[in-house]
Every structure is written in C-alpha cells, then in structure tokens.
Amino acid sequence: MLLIHSPQPWIEVNRINDRHFEGNLENWRAMEDALKAGKVRSIGVSNFLQEDVANIVNNSSIKPVVNQIEVHIGNVPTDLMKYCKNLGIQIEAYSPLAHGRLLKDPRIRTYAEKYHVSPAQLMLSFDLQLGCIVLPKSDNVKEMQENLNIDFEISADDMADLVKLKENTQTMAV
C-alpha cells in the first residue's frame, strides 16, 4: 500500500489554512499511475481531513482505499469516520493505544477490569468495534501476543460511554 502521509507539509499539518489541494492531486495522480501499472496493490491517504478526502475523491478516477488517522479512546473523529465510511474508504487507526498514555488512566483500567482484559486489549477492541483496522506498535513479545488476543466484545452502552470520553491525547493538531 502506498499512502500520502499528510495533506500538508508535516511541520504545518492542520495548523495552516492552505490544504495543498493541487499538490495532493498531483501526488494522487502519480499514485494512480503506479496502481494502474501494477507497481503497487493499493493506494490511500493518511491524516486527511474531510475536505482533503473530498478533493481527492471529487477530482480523480480512483478513490483511496484507506484513510490512516489517529483513533483511540479519547480521540474519535466521528464525522470524518462516517464520511469515509459512506465513501467506502476504510479507516486505519494509528496510535490505537494513544502512545501508551491512556494505559494507566483509571477510567480505562476500570473498563478493562470489567471485561477481565488489559487496558491495551480494551483499547484495541474499542477501535476494532468502531470498524477500524488497528496498528498497535510493540517490541515486546508478550504485548504482541496479548494484542492478538482480542476475543471479547465491549457492550453497546460501554462503547457509547468510551466514545464520549475526552482527553487531550491526540498527537496531531486538528
């Protein structure tokens, strides 16, 4: 998979008004050419807001298969996720564990204890139940095995509560 990592220069991402629409279209068309030539299997975007996604979808022949965005308890960009879903664009959640910052949060731990799982497992299940592809990062074999063992479901009521949980843990400026 080939992604446009950011719709703007990284140092400016979501901090300036210029969305770089033309530059993104130029990059996207080159990626479409690579896809058509069989050089890549799929193409997508990362850190794209709704207007960035719309620019690509409305001005190109191939839509992104994925928008890789930060999604975790405390940061659920619901409107963007719904918009992408309605277009058939899959959400890939990066930082599903909020870079580890929420693993010791007492609210998260309470829910994890309720389901007899680790806070990490709860957070991964949360994103999976939102319909996201998750990309947990670990170099610890025990944690990797734990991350693969998501065999429980968070109740609808608890999901609703967790979606509402707010914490300033997003790593990207929006």
Protein backbone atom coordinates (compact mmCIF):
# COMPACT_ATOMS: atom_id res chain seq x y z
CA MET A 1 0.00 0.00 0.00
CA LEU A 2 1.21 3.44 -0.92
CA LEU A 3 -0.04 6.40 1.16
CA ILE A 4 0.18 10.15 1.00
CA HIS A 5 1.33 10.56 4.59
CA SER A 6 0.00 14.07 5.12
CA PRO A 7 -2.08 16.53 3.11
CA GLN A 8 0.27 19.34 4.14
CA PRO A 9 3.97 19.64 4.92
CA TRP A 10 4.40 17.82 8.23
CA ILE A 11 5.53 20.87 10.17
CA GLU A 12 2.34 22.69 9.08
CA VAL A 13 -0.18 19.86 9.19
CA ASN A 14 -3.59 21.15 10.28
CA ARG A 15 -2.00 24.39 11.52
CA ILE A 16 -2.37 26.49 8.36
CA ASN A 17 -5.26 27.23 6.00
CA ASP A 18 -3.57 26.07 2.80
CA ARG A 19 -4.73 22.48 2.28
CA HIS A 20 -2.33 21.96 -0.69
CA PHE A 21 -5.17 20.60 -2.84
CA GLU A 22 -3.29 20.85 -6.16
CA GLY A 23 -0.12 19.26 -4.80
CA ASN A 24 -2.13 16.41 -3.31
CA LEU A 25 -3.91 15.84 -6.63
CA GLU A 26 -0.59 15.77 -8.44
CA ASN A 27 0.74 13.19 -5.98
CA TRP A 28 -2.50 11.21 -6.15
CA ARG A 29 -2.44 11.03 -9.95
CA ALA A 30 1.12 9.68 -9.82
CA MET A 31 -0.07 7.07 -7.33
CA GLU A 32 -2.99 6.17 -9.63
CA ASP A 33 -0.47 5.65 -12.43
CA ALA A 34 1.62 3.37 -10.19
CA LEU A 35 -1.50 1.38 -9.30
CA LYS A 36 -2.58 1.03 -12.94
CA ALA A 37 0.96 -0.05 -13.87
CA GLY A 38 0.84 -2.78 -11.21
CA LYS A 39 3.68 -1.25 -9.20
CA VAL A 40 1.52 -1.07 -6.05
CA ARG A 41 -1.56 -3.01 -4.95
CA SER A 42 -3.50 -0.21 -3.31
CA ILE A 43 -3.32 3.49 -2.59
CA GLY A 44 -4.60 5.60 0.25
CA VAL A 45 -4.14 8.66 2.38
CA SER A 46 -3.10 9.44 5.93
CA ASN A 47 -4.05 12.31 8.22
CA PHE A 48 -6.53 13.64 5.65
CA LEU A 49 -9.46 15.71 6.90
CA GLN A 50 -12.84 15.60 5.18
CA GLU A 51 -12.05 18.43 2.76
CA ASP A 52 -8.78 16.72 1.81
CA VAL A 53 -10.54 13.42 1.13
CA ALA A 54 -13.26 15.22 -0.87
CA ASN A 55 -10.60 16.90 -3.02
CA ILE A 56 -9.15 13.51 -3.98
CA VAL A 57 -12.49 11.74 -4.45
CA ASN A 58 -14.06 14.56 -6.50
CA ASN A 59 -11.06 15.11 -8.77
CA SER A 60 -9.64 11.68 -9.52
CA SER A 61 -10.63 8.38 -11.06
CA ILE A 62 -9.64 6.13 -8.13
CA LYS A 63 -10.64 6.79 -4.55
CA PRO A 64 -8.41 5.98 -1.59
CA VAL A 65 -8.90 2.53 -0.08
CA VAL A 66 -7.89 3.81 3.34
CA ASN A 67 -7.51 6.97 5.39
CA GLN A 68 -4.98 6.29 8.14
CA ILE A 69 -5.90 8.58 11.05
CA GLU A 70 -5.36 8.75 14.78
CA VAL A 71 -8.25 6.96 16.51
CA HIS A 72 -8.35 5.83 20.13
CA ILE A 73 -10.42 6.25 23.25
CA GLY A 74 -10.36 9.99 23.88
CA ASN A 75 -9.92 10.84 20.18
CA VAL A 76 -12.72 9.62 17.93
CA PRO A 77 -13.15 11.84 14.85
CA THR A 78 -16.70 10.58 14.32
CA ASP A 79 -17.72 12.89 11.47
CA LEU A 80 -14.60 12.12 9.45
CA MET A 81 -15.00 8.40 10.09
CA LYS A 82 -18.66 8.47 8.94
CA TYR A 83 -17.73 10.49 5.86
CA CYS A 84 -15.04 8.00 4.85
CA LYS A 85 -17.28 5.01 5.58
CA ASN A 86 -20.04 6.46 3.37
CA LEU A 87 -17.49 6.67 0.55
CA GLY A 88 -16.30 3.10 1.14
CA ILE A 89 -12.94 4.28 2.48
CA GLN A 90 -11.62 2.12 5.31
CA ILE A 91 -10.29 3.80 8.45
CA GLU A 92 -6.91 2.56 9.62
CA ALA A 93 -6.32 3.65 13.22
CA TYR A 94 -2.79 4.57 14.10
CA SER A 95 -1.83 5.14 17.73
CA PRO A 96 -4.75 3.00 18.95
CA LEU A 97 -3.07 2.94 22.37
CA ALA A 98 -2.55 6.73 22.44
CA HIS A 99 1.21 6.14 22.59
CA GLY A 100 0.64 4.36 25.89
CA ARG A 101 -0.58 7.47 27.67
CA LEU A 102 -4.02 6.04 28.48
CA LEU A 103 -2.90 2.60 29.63
CA LYS A 104 -2.80 3.77 33.25
CA ASP A 105 -5.87 6.01 33.07
CA PRO A 106 -8.17 4.88 35.93
CA ARG A 107 -11.26 5.12 33.70
CA ILE A 108 -9.71 2.81 31.11
CA ARG A 109 -8.49 0.43 33.81
CA THR A 110 -12.00 0.22 35.30
CA TYR A 111 -13.47 -0.84 31.97
CA ALA A 112 -10.60 -3.27 31.37
CA GLU A 113 -11.17 -4.89 34.76
CA LYS A 114 -14.88 -5.23 33.97
CA TYR A 115 -14.00 -7.29 30.87
CA HIS A 116 -11.05 -9.10 32.52
CA VAL A 117 -8.63 -7.79 29.90
CA SER A 118 -5.66 -5.45 29.83
CA PRO A 119 -6.15 -1.74 29.11
CA ALA A 120 -4.39 -2.30 25.77
CA GLN A 121 -6.80 -5.08 24.81
CA LEU A 122 -9.74 -2.85 25.73
CA MET A 123 -8.40 -0.01 23.61
CA LEU A 124 -7.74 -2.26 20.62
CA SER A 125 -11.19 -3.84 20.89
CA PHE A 126 -12.69 -0.35 21.02
CA ASP A 127 -11.13 0.62 17.68
CA LEU A 128 -11.99 -2.73 16.11
CA GLN A 129 -15.62 -2.33 17.17
CA LEU A 130 -15.63 1.10 15.55
CA GLY A 131 -14.77 -0.73 12.32
CA CYS A 132 -11.14 0.36 12.17
CA ILE A 133 -8.09 -1.54 11.10
CA VAL A 134 -5.70 -1.21 14.06
CA LEU A 135 -1.93 -0.86 14.02
CA PRO A 136 -0.64 -1.40 17.54
CA LYS A 137 3.09 -1.00 17.98
CA SER A 138 5.18 -3.04 20.36
CA ASP A 139 8.58 -4.64 20.50
CA ASN A 140 7.59 -6.79 23.48
CA VAL A 141 6.62 -10.36 22.53
CA LYS A 142 4.20 -10.71 25.46
CA GLU A 143 2.41 -7.50 24.45
CA MET A 144 2.28 -8.61 20.81
CA GLN A 145 0.64 -11.88 21.82
CA GLU A 146 -1.79 -10.01 24.08
CA ASN A 147 -2.63 -7.63 21.22
CA LEU A 148 -3.62 -10.62 19.09
CA ASN A 149 -5.95 -11.98 21.77
CA ILE A 150 -8.97 -9.72 21.34
CA ASP A 151 -11.75 -12.26 21.84
CA PHE A 152 -14.35 -10.19 23.69
CA GLU A 153 -16.88 -7.52 22.82
CA ILE A 154 -17.45 -4.24 24.62
CA SER A 155 -21.17 -3.67 25.27
CA ALA A 156 -23.01 -1.02 23.26
CA ASP A 157 -23.54 1.07 26.40
CA ASP A 158 -19.86 0.93 27.32
CA MET A 159 -18.85 1.76 23.74
CA ALA A 160 -21.11 4.81 23.85
CA ASP A 161 -19.51 5.89 27.13
CA LEU A 162 -15.99 5.32 25.80
CA VAL A 163 -16.69 7.28 22.62
CA LYS A 164 -17.70 10.24 24.78
CA LEU A 165 -14.61 10.01 26.97
CA LYS A 166 -12.49 13.03 26.23
CA GLU A 167 -8.87 13.55 26.97
CA ASN A 168 -6.33 15.75 25.31
CA THR A 169 -4.28 12.85 23.98
CA GLN A 170 -4.32 13.41 20.24
CA THR A 171 -0.83 13.71 18.82
CA MET A 172 -1.89 15.52 15.63
CA ALA A 173 -3.12 19.12 15.72
CA VAL A 174 -6.67 19.41 14.42
